[in-house]
Amino acid sequence: QTPGKQRELVAVATSGGSTHYADS
């Protein structure tokens, strides 16, 4: 999160091994 912007997801890892990343 940066000032003036809402919190955004950067990356996530599930217990099953899946991952997801923000395009940026």
PDB file of all heavy atoms in Angstrom:
ATOM      1  N   GLN A   1       0.827  -1.191   0.000  1.00  0.00           N
ATOM      2  CA  GLN A   1       0.000   0.000   0.000  1.00  0.00           C
ATOM      3  C   GLN A   1       0.867   1.248   0.000  1.00  0.00           C
ATOM      4  O   GLN A   1       1.855   1.332   0.728  1.00  0.00           O
ATOM      5  CB  GLN A   1      -0.923   0.014   1.222  1.00  0.00           C
ATOM      6  CG  GLN A   1      -1.952   1.130   1.210  1.00  0.00           C
ATOM      7  CD  GLN A   1      -2.985   0.953   2.300  1.00  0.00           C
ATOM      8  OE1 GLN A   1      -2.731   0.319   3.325  1.00  0.00           O
ATOM      9  NE2 GLN A   1      -4.166   1.510   2.087  1.00  0.00           N
ATOM     10  N   THR A   2       0.485   2.221  -0.832  1.00  0.00           N
ATOM     11  CA  THR A   2       1.128   3.520  -0.871  1.00  0.00           C
ATOM     12  C   THR A   2       0.090   4.575  -0.526  1.00  0.00           C
ATOM     13  O   THR A   2      -1.121   4.345  -0.672  1.00  0.00           O
ATOM     14  CB  THR A   2       1.723   3.809  -2.254  1.00  0.00           C
ATOM     15  OG1 THR A   2       0.690   3.734  -3.245  1.00  0.00           O
ATOM     16  CG2 THR A   2       2.804   2.801  -2.601  1.00  0.00           C
ATOM     17  N   PRO A   3       0.521   5.751  -0.064  1.00  0.00           N
ATOM     18  CA  PRO A   3      -0.442   6.801   0.284  1.00  0.00           C
ATOM     19  C   PRO A   3      -1.360   7.144  -0.881  1.00  0.00           C
ATOM     20  O   PRO A   3      -0.912   7.305  -2.017  1.00  0.00           O
ATOM     21  CB  PRO A   3       0.454   7.987   0.657  1.00  0.00           C
ATOM     22  CG  PRO A   3       1.716   7.353   1.134  1.00  0.00           C
ATOM     23  CD  PRO A   3       1.897   6.151   0.247  1.00  0.00           C
ATOM     24  N   GLY A   4      -2.650   7.231  -0.602  1.00  0.00           N
ATOM     25  CA  GLY A   4      -3.623   7.577  -1.615  1.00  0.00           C
ATOM     26  C   GLY A   4      -4.109   6.427  -2.461  1.00  0.00           C
ATOM     27  O   GLY A   4      -4.948   6.632  -3.342  1.00  0.00           O
ATOM     28  N   LYS A   5      -3.598   5.235  -2.234  1.00  0.00           N
ATOM     29  CA  LYS A   5      -4.013   4.065  -2.983  1.00  0.00           C
ATOM     30  C   LYS A   5      -4.469   2.980  -2.022  1.00  0.00           C
ATOM     31  O   LYS A   5      -3.977   2.875  -0.905  1.00  0.00           O
ATOM     32  CB  LYS A   5      -2.872   3.529  -3.850  1.00  0.00           C
ATOM     33  CG  LYS A   5      -2.369   4.493  -4.904  1.00  0.00           C
ATOM     34  CD  LYS A   5      -1.168   3.930  -5.648  1.00  0.00           C
ATOM     35  CE  LYS A   5      -1.522   2.697  -6.448  1.00  0.00           C
ATOM     36  NZ  LYS A   5      -0.360   2.191  -7.230  1.00  0.00           N
ATOM     37  N   GLN A   6      -5.415   2.162  -2.476  1.00  0.00           N
ATOM     38  CA  GLN A   6      -5.868   1.068  -1.640  1.00  0.00           C
ATOM     39  C   GLN A   6      -4.866  -0.073  -1.679  1.00  0.00           C
ATOM     40  O   GLN A   6      -4.073  -0.199  -2.615  1.00  0.00           O
ATOM     41  CB  GLN A   6      -7.258   0.592  -2.057  1.00  0.00           C
ATOM     42  CG  GLN A   6      -7.349  -0.029  -3.431  1.00  0.00           C
ATOM     43  CD  GLN A   6      -8.769  -0.455  -3.771  1.00  0.00           C
ATOM     44  OE1 GLN A   6      -9.718  -0.093  -3.078  1.00  0.00           O
ATOM     45  NE2 GLN A   6      -8.927  -1.213  -4.833  1.00  0.00           N
ATOM     46  N   ARG A   7      -4.901  -0.887  -0.663  1.00  0.00           N
ATOM     47  CA  ARG A   7      -3.990  -2.010  -0.568  1.00  0.00           C
ATOM     48  C   ARG A   7      -4.225  -2.984  -1.720  1.00  0.00           C
ATOM     49  O   ARG A   7      -5.361  -3.336  -2.039  1.00  0.00           O
ATOM     50  CB  ARG A   7      -4.181  -2.702   0.781  1.00  0.00           C
ATOM     51  CG  ARG A   7      -3.099  -3.684   1.148  1.00  0.00           C
ATOM     52  CD  ARG A   7      -3.259  -4.151   2.600  1.00  0.00           C
ATOM     53  NE  ARG A   7      -3.120  -3.056   3.544  1.00  0.00           N
ATOM     54  CZ  ARG A   7      -3.162  -3.219   4.866  1.00  0.00           C
ATOM     55  NH1 ARG A   7      -3.331  -4.420   5.389  1.00  0.00           N
ATOM     56  NH2 ARG A   7      -3.033  -2.159   5.652  1.00  0.00           N
ATOM     57  N   GLU A   8      -3.146  -3.431  -2.349  1.00  0.00           N
ATOM     58  CA  GLU A   8      -3.251  -4.340  -3.475  1.00  0.00           C
ATOM     59  C   GLU A   8      -2.493  -5.629  -3.202  1.00  0.00           C
ATOM     60  O   GLU A   8      -1.453  -5.635  -2.535  1.00  0.00           O
ATOM     61  CB  GLU A   8      -2.721  -3.689  -4.759  1.00  0.00           C
ATOM     62  CG  GLU A   8      -1.234  -3.392  -4.743  1.00  0.00           C
ATOM     63  CD  GLU A   8      -0.697  -2.941  -6.091  1.00  0.00           C
ATOM     64  OE1 GLU A   8      -1.382  -3.164  -7.116  1.00  0.00           O
ATOM     65  OE2 GLU A   8       0.416  -2.362  -6.130  1.00  0.00           O
ATOM     66  N   LEU A   9      -3.015  -6.707  -3.750  1.00  0.00           N
ATOM     67  CA  LEU A   9      -2.363  -7.997  -3.620  1.00  0.00           C
ATOM     68  C   LEU A   9      -1.133  -8.042  -4.510  1.00  0.00           C
ATOM     69  O   LEU A   9      -1.203  -7.729  -5.698  1.00  0.00           O
ATOM     70  CB  LEU A   9      -3.325  -9.125  -3.995  1.00  0.00           C
ATOM     71  CG  LEU A   9      -2.766 -10.551  -3.939  1.00  0.00           C
ATOM     72  CD1 LEU A   9      -2.441 -10.937  -2.499  1.00  0.00           C
ATOM     73  CD2 LEU A   9      -3.757 -11.537  -4.540  1.00  0.00           C
ATOM     74  N   VAL A  10      -0.016  -8.462  -3.941  1.00  0.00           N
ATOM     75  CA  VAL A  10       1.229  -8.603  -4.679  1.00  0.00           C
ATOM     76  C   VAL A  10       1.447 -10.045  -5.099  1.00  0.00           C
ATOM     77  O   VAL A  10       1.722 -10.337  -6.265  1.00  0.00           O
ATOM     78  CB  VAL A  10       2.431  -8.104  -3.851  1.00  0.00           C
ATOM     79  CG1 VAL A  10       3.740  -8.302  -4.621  1.00  0.00           C
ATOM     80  CG2 VAL A  10       2.252  -6.639  -3.472  1.00  0.00           C
ATOM     81  N   ALA A  11       1.347 -10.960  -4.148  1.00  0.00           N
ATOM     82  CA  ALA A  11       1.573 -12.370  -4.420  1.00  0.00           C
ATOM     83  C   ALA A  11       0.919 -13.196  -3.331  1.00  0.00           C
ATOM     84  O   ALA A  11       0.807 -12.754  -2.185  1.00  0.00           O
ATOM     85  CB  ALA A  11       3.068 -12.691  -4.505  1.00  0.00           C
ATOM     86  N   VAL A  12       0.494 -14.397  -3.679  1.00  0.00           N
ATOM     87  CA  VAL A  12      -0.121 -15.302  -2.724  1.00  0.00           C
ATOM     88  C   VAL A  12       0.333 -16.719  -3.016  1.00  0.00           C
ATOM     89  O   VAL A  12       0.545 -17.090  -4.176  1.00  0.00           O
ATOM     90  CB  VAL A  12      -1.664 -15.200  -2.759  1.00  0.00           C
ATOM     91  CG1 VAL A  12      -2.200 -15.569  -4.140  1.00  0.00           C
ATOM     92  CG2 VAL A  12      -2.298 -16.080  -1.689  1.00  0.00           C
ATOM     93  N   ALA A  13       0.496 -17.498  -1.966  1.00  0.00           N
ATOM     94  CA  ALA A  13       0.835 -18.912  -2.073  1.00  0.00           C
ATOM     95  C   ALA A  13      -0.145 -19.708  -1.226  1.00  0.00           C
ATOM     96  O   ALA A  13      -0.298 -19.440  -0.028  1.00  0.00           O
ATOM     97  CB  ALA A  13       2.267 -19.168  -1.613  1.00  0.00           C
ATOM     98  N   THR A  14      -0.812 -20.673  -1.828  1.00  0.00           N
ATOM     99  CA  THR A  14      -1.772 -21.494  -1.104  1.00  0.00           C
ATOM    100  C   THR A  14      -1.077 -22.681  -0.462  1.00  0.00           C
ATOM    101  O   THR A  14       0.062 -23.023  -0.790  1.00  0.00           O
ATOM    102  CB  THR A  14      -2.887 -21.994  -2.032  1.00  0.00           C
ATOM    103  OG1 THR A  14      -2.356 -22.997  -2.913  1.00  0.00           O
ATOM    104  CG2 THR A  14      -3.461 -20.860  -2.867  1.00  0.00           C
ATOM    105  N   SER A  15      -1.784 -23.329   0.456  1.00  0.00           N
ATOM    106  CA  SER A  15      -1.239 -24.515   1.101  1.00  0.00           C
ATOM    107  C   SER A  15      -1.046 -25.651   0.114  1.00  0.00           C
ATOM    108  O   SER A  15      -0.239 -26.550   0.360  1.00  0.00           O
ATOM    109  CB  SER A  15      -2.148 -24.964   2.246  1.00  0.00           C
ATOM    110  OG  SER A  15      -3.454 -25.279   1.771  1.00  0.00           O
ATOM    111  N   GLY A  16      -1.779 -25.626  -0.999  1.00  0.00           N
ATOM    112  CA  GLY A  16      -1.654 -26.648  -2.011  1.00  0.00           C
ATOM    113  C   GLY A  16      -0.569 -26.396  -3.032  1.00  0.00           C
ATOM    114  O   GLY A  16      -0.373 -27.218  -3.939  1.00  0.00           O
ATOM    115  N   GLY A  17       0.124 -25.266  -2.927  1.00  0.00           N
ATOM    116  CA  GLY A  17       1.240 -24.992  -3.811  1.00  0.00           C
ATOM    117  C   GLY A  17       0.952 -24.056  -4.964  1.00  0.00           C
ATOM    118  O   GLY A  17       1.860 -23.766  -5.755  1.00  0.00           O
ATOM    119  N   SER A  18      -0.269 -23.576  -5.096  1.00  0.00           N
ATOM    120  CA  SER A  18      -0.587 -22.631  -6.163  1.00  0.00           C
ATOM    121  C   SER A  18      -0.064 -21.245  -5.814  1.00  0.00           C
ATOM    122  O   SER A  18      -0.002 -20.872  -4.644  1.00  0.00           O
ATOM    123  CB  SER A  18      -2.093 -22.569  -6.397  1.00  0.00           C
ATOM    124  OG  SER A  18      -2.604 -23.825  -6.796  1.00  0.00           O
ATOM    125  N   THR A  19       0.290 -20.485  -6.828  1.00  0.00           N
ATOM    126  CA  THR A  19       0.767 -19.118  -6.633  1.00  0.00           C
ATOM    127  C   THR A  19       0.079 -18.175  -7.602  1.00  0.00           C
ATOM    128  O   THR A  19      -0.374 -18.581  -8.680  1.00  0.00           O
ATOM    129  CB  THR A  19       2.289 -19.011  -6.824  1.00  0.00           C
ATOM    130  OG1 THR A  19       2.637 -19.441  -8.148  1.00  0.00           O
ATOM    131  CG2 THR A  19       3.023 -19.870  -5.811  1.00  0.00           C
ATOM    132  N   HIS A  20       0.010 -16.914  -7.211  1.00  0.00           N
ATOM    133  CA  HIS A  20      -0.569 -15.869  -8.041  1.00  0.00           C
ATOM    134  C   HIS A  20       0.225 -14.596  -7.820  1.00  0.00           C
ATOM    135  O   HIS A  20       0.610 -14.287  -6.692  1.00  0.00           O
ATOM    136  CB  HIS A  20      -2.041 -15.633  -7.696  1.00  0.00           C
ATOM    137  CG  HIS A  20      -2.632 -14.446  -8.379  1.00  0.00           C
ATOM    138  ND1 HIS A  20      -3.027 -14.480  -9.698  1.00  0.00           N
ATOM    139  CD2 HIS A  20      -2.873 -13.181  -7.939  1.00  0.00           C
ATOM    140  CE1 HIS A  20      -3.485 -13.291 -10.041  1.00  0.00           C
ATOM    141  NE2 HIS A  20      -3.404 -12.488  -8.985  1.00  0.00           N
ATOM    142  N   TYR A  21       0.441 -13.846  -8.904  1.00  0.00           N
ATOM    143  CA  TYR A  21       1.185 -12.599  -8.836  1.00  0.00           C
ATOM    144  C   TYR A  21       0.419 -11.480  -9.511  1.00  0.00           C
ATOM    145  O   TYR A  21      -0.274 -11.694 -10.513  1.00  0.00           O
ATOM    146  CB  TYR A  21       2.546 -12.722  -9.524  1.00  0.00           C
ATOM    147  CG  TYR A  21       3.473 -13.742  -8.920  1.00  0.00           C
ATOM    148  CD1 TYR A  21       3.480 -15.052  -9.368  1.00  0.00           C
ATOM    149  CD2 TYR A  21       4.353 -13.377  -7.909  1.00  0.00           C
ATOM    150  CE1 TYR A  21       4.341 -15.990  -8.814  1.00  0.00           C
ATOM    151  CE2 TYR A  21       5.220 -14.301  -7.351  1.00  0.00           C
ATOM    152  CZ  TYR A  21       5.208 -15.607  -7.814  1.00  0.00           C
ATOM    153  OH  TYR A  21       6.070 -16.533  -7.263  1.00  0.00           O
ATOM    154  N   ALA A  22       0.566 -10.279  -8.981  1.00  0.00           N
ATOM    155  CA  ALA A  22       0.074  -9.108  -9.682  1.00  0.00           C
ATOM    156  C   ALA A  22       0.846  -8.948 -10.987  1.00  0.00           C
ATOM    157  O   ALA A  22       2.041  -9.258 -11.062  1.00  0.00           O
ATOM    158  CB  ALA A  22       0.238  -7.861  -8.819  1.00  0.00           C
ATOM    159  N   ASP A  23       0.165  -8.460 -12.017  1.00  0.00           N
ATOM    160  CA  ASP A  23       0.815  -8.300 -13.313  1.00  0.00           C
ATOM    161  C   ASP A  23       2.056  -7.415 -13.229  1.00  0.00           C
ATOM    162  O   ASP A  23       3.035  -7.633 -13.950  1.00  0.00           O
ATOM    163  CB  ASP A  23      -0.162  -7.717 -14.329  1.00  0.00           C
ATOM    164  CG  ASP A  23      -1.229  -8.698 -14.759  1.00  0.00           C
ATOM    165  OD1 ASP A  23      -1.032  -9.920 -14.575  1.00  0.00           O
ATOM    166  OD2 ASP A  23      -2.267  -8.258 -15.290  1.00  0.00           O
ATOM    167  N   SER A  24       2.033  -6.439 -12.354  1.00  0.00           N
ATOM    168  CA  SER A  24       3.123  -5.491 -12.260  1.00  0.00           C
ATOM    169  C   SER A  24       4.419  -6.091 -11.721  1.00  0.00           C
ATOM    170  O   SER A  24       5.483  -5.486 -11.880  1.00  0.00           O
ATOM    171  CB  SER A  24       2.715  -4.301 -11.382  1.00  0.00           C
ATOM    172  OG  SER A  24       2.371  -4.733 -10.080  1.00  0.00           O
TER     173      SER A  24
END
